[in-house]
C-alpha atoms as a PDB file:
ATOM      1  CA  MET A   1       0.000   0.000   0.000  1.00  0.00           C
ATOM      2  CA  LYS A   2       1.220   3.425  -0.788  1.00  0.00           C
ATOM      3  CA  THR A   3       1.269   6.418   1.525  1.00  0.00           C
ATOM      4  CA  ILE A   4      -1.901   8.034   2.862  1.00  0.00           C
ATOM      5  CA  LYS A   5      -1.637  11.825   2.974  1.00  0.00           C
ATOM      6  CA  TYR A   6      -3.807  14.198   4.971  1.00  0.00           C
ATOM      7  CA  CYS A   7      -4.270  17.938   4.521  1.00  0.00           C
ATOM      8  CA  CYS A   8      -3.544  19.825   7.751  1.00  0.00           C
ATOM      9  CA  ARG A   9      -6.191  22.377   6.783  1.00  0.00           C
ATOM     10  CA  ASN A  10      -8.773  19.579   6.745  1.00  0.00           C
ATOM     11  CA  GLU A  11      -8.335  18.738  10.429  1.00  0.00           C
ATOM     12  CA  LYS A  12     -11.530  20.599  11.288  1.00  0.00           C
ATOM     13  CA  PHE A  13     -13.409  17.750   9.584  1.00  0.00           C
ATOM     14  CA  GLY A  14     -11.771  15.090  11.755  1.00  0.00           C
ATOM     15  CA  SER A  15      -8.803  13.928   9.703  1.00  0.00           C
ATOM     16  CA  LYS A  16      -6.490  14.240  12.721  1.00  0.00           C
ATOM     17  CA  GLN A  17      -8.446  11.552  14.586  1.00  0.00           C
ATOM     18  CA  ILE A  18      -8.432   9.323  11.501  1.00  0.00           C
ATOM     19  CA  TYR A  19      -4.642   9.715  11.257  1.00  0.00           C
ATOM     20  CA  LYS A  20      -4.246   8.647  14.896  1.00  0.00           C
ATOM     21  CA  SER A  21      -6.635   5.700  14.561  1.00  0.00           C
ATOM     22  CA  ILE A  22      -4.955   4.373  11.411  1.00  0.00           C
ATOM     23  CA  LYS A  23      -1.527   4.827  13.015  1.00  0.00           C
ATOM     24  CA  HIS A  24      -2.659   2.850  16.076  1.00  0.00           C
ATOM     25  CA  GLU A  25      -4.312   0.063  14.074  1.00  0.00           C
ATOM     26  CA  PHE A  26      -1.722  -0.164  11.260  1.00  0.00           C
ATOM     27  CA  PRO A  27       1.584   1.061  12.747  1.00  0.00           C
ATOM     28  CA  LYS A  28       3.685   0.025   9.729  1.00  0.00           C
ATOM     29  CA  LEU A  29       1.511   1.898   7.227  1.00  0.00           C
ATOM     30  CA  LYS A  30       3.094   5.065   5.875  1.00  0.00           C
ATOM     31  CA  GLN A  31       1.104   8.264   6.537  1.00  0.00           C
ATOM     32  CA  LYS A  32       1.966  11.925   6.095  1.00  0.00           C
ATOM     33  CA  LYS A  33       0.423  15.211   7.074  1.00  0.00           C
ATOM     34  CA  LYS A  34       0.829  17.872   4.396  1.00  0.00           C
ATOM     35  CA  ASP A  35       0.102  21.570   4.707  1.00  0.00           C
ATOM     36  CA  CYS A  36      -1.990  21.442   1.511  1.00  0.00           C
ATOM     37  CA  LEU A  37      -2.878  18.647  -0.897  1.00  0.00           C
ATOM     38  CA  GLY A  38      -4.084  21.031  -3.602  1.00  0.00           C
ATOM     39  CA  ASN A  39      -7.705  19.853  -3.476  1.00  0.00           C
ATOM     40  CA  CYS A  40      -9.188  22.895  -1.776  1.00  0.00           C
ATOM     41  CA  ARG A  41     -12.546  22.529  -3.521  1.00  0.00           C
ATOM     42  CA  HIS A  42     -13.144  19.248  -1.681  1.00  0.00           C
ATOM     43  CA  CYS A  43     -11.132  20.082   1.421  1.00  0.00           C
ATOM     44  CA  ARG A  44     -13.381  23.011   2.335  1.00  0.00           C
ATOM     45  CA  LYS A  45     -16.528  20.876   2.233  1.00  0.00           C
ATOM     46  CA  GLU A  46     -15.721  17.381   3.463  1.00  0.00           C
ATOM     47  CA  CYS A  47     -13.203  15.048   5.036  1.00  0.00           C
ATOM     48  CA  ILE A  48     -10.462  13.998   2.589  1.00  0.00           C
ATOM     49  CA  ALA A  49      -7.326  11.869   2.311  1.00  0.00           C
ATOM     50  CA  MET A  50      -5.007  11.106  -0.595  1.00  0.00           C
ATOM     51  CA  VAL A  51      -3.997   7.502  -1.234  1.00  0.00           C
ATOM     52  CA  GLY A  52      -0.849   7.259  -3.297  1.00  0.00           C
ATOM     53  CA  LYS A  53      -0.169  10.178  -5.615  1.00  0.00           C
ATOM     54  CA  LYS A  54      -3.551  10.666  -7.270  1.00  0.00           C
ATOM     55  CA  ARG A  55      -6.405   8.824  -5.550  1.00  0.00           C
ATOM     56  CA  LEU A  56      -8.462  11.317  -3.541  1.00  0.00           C
ATOM     57  CA  ILE A  57     -10.878   9.796  -1.028  1.00  0.00           C
ATOM     58  CA  CYS A  58     -13.730  12.072   0.088  1.00  0.00           C
ATOM     59  CA  ALA A  59     -16.428  11.479   2.691  1.00  0.00           C
ATOM     60  CA  GLU A  60     -19.084  13.501   4.466  1.00  0.00           C
ATOM     61  CA  SER A  61     -17.905  12.395   7.907  1.00  0.00           C
ATOM     62  CA  PRO A  62     -14.710  11.133   9.544  1.00  0.00           C
ATOM     63  CA  ASP A  63     -16.342   7.781  10.312  1.00  0.00           C
ATOM     64  CA  VAL A  64     -17.169   7.193   6.648  1.00  0.00           C
ATOM     65  CA  LEU A  65     -13.658   8.197   5.535  1.00  0.00           C
ATOM     66  CA  TYR A  66     -12.112   5.911   8.160  1.00  0.00           C
ATOM     67  CA  ALA A  67     -14.242   2.996   6.921  1.00  0.00           C
ATOM     68  CA  GLN A  68     -13.254   3.705   3.304  1.00  0.00           C
ATOM     69  CA  LEU A  69      -9.554   3.838   4.180  1.00  0.00           C
ATOM     70  CA  LYS A  70      -9.776   0.579   6.159  1.00  0.00           C
ATOM     71  CA  GLN A  71     -11.413  -1.074   3.149  1.00  0.00           C
ATOM     72  CA  ILE A  72      -8.670   0.202   0.812  1.00  0.00           C
ATOM     73  CA  ILE A  73      -5.987  -1.056   3.224  1.00  0.00           C
ATOM     74  CA  ALA A  74      -7.667  -4.483   3.425  1.00  0.00           C
ATOM     75  CA  GLU A  75      -7.923  -4.707  -0.380  1.00  0.00           C
ATOM     76  CA  SER A  76      -4.286  -3.699  -0.741  1.00  0.00           C
ATOM     77  CA  ARG A  77      -3.158  -6.322   1.740  1.00  0.00           C
ATOM     78  CA  ALA A  78      -5.254  -8.997   0.012  1.00  0.00           C
ATOM     79  CA  GLU A  79      -3.652  -8.121  -3.336  1.00  0.00           C
ATOM     80  CA  SER A  80      -0.167  -8.234  -1.764  1.00  0.00           C
ATOM     81  CA  ALA A  81      -0.866 -11.651  -0.269  1.00  0.00           C
ATOM     82  CA  MET A  82      -1.922 -13.040  -3.664  1.00  0.00           C
ATOM     83  CA  ALA A  83       1.136 -11.709  -5.484  1.00  0.00           C
END
């Protein structure tokens, strides 16, 4: 799995808690906090995270985003196990 990046300006939507939860549950997974991800149109309205270099994940709440990220991590690990 590639890096998950979070916009520091998006913390008001709960991305900080998601970062901590993912770090606790998947300590070896690479995560980064960036000042800006360049997706301000989405960042101002909802909770976001960037998976890899281009895949933007958006959700209306932190719980939904957390569930989406966990699903992506599980899929990535399943693909790695098959390879």
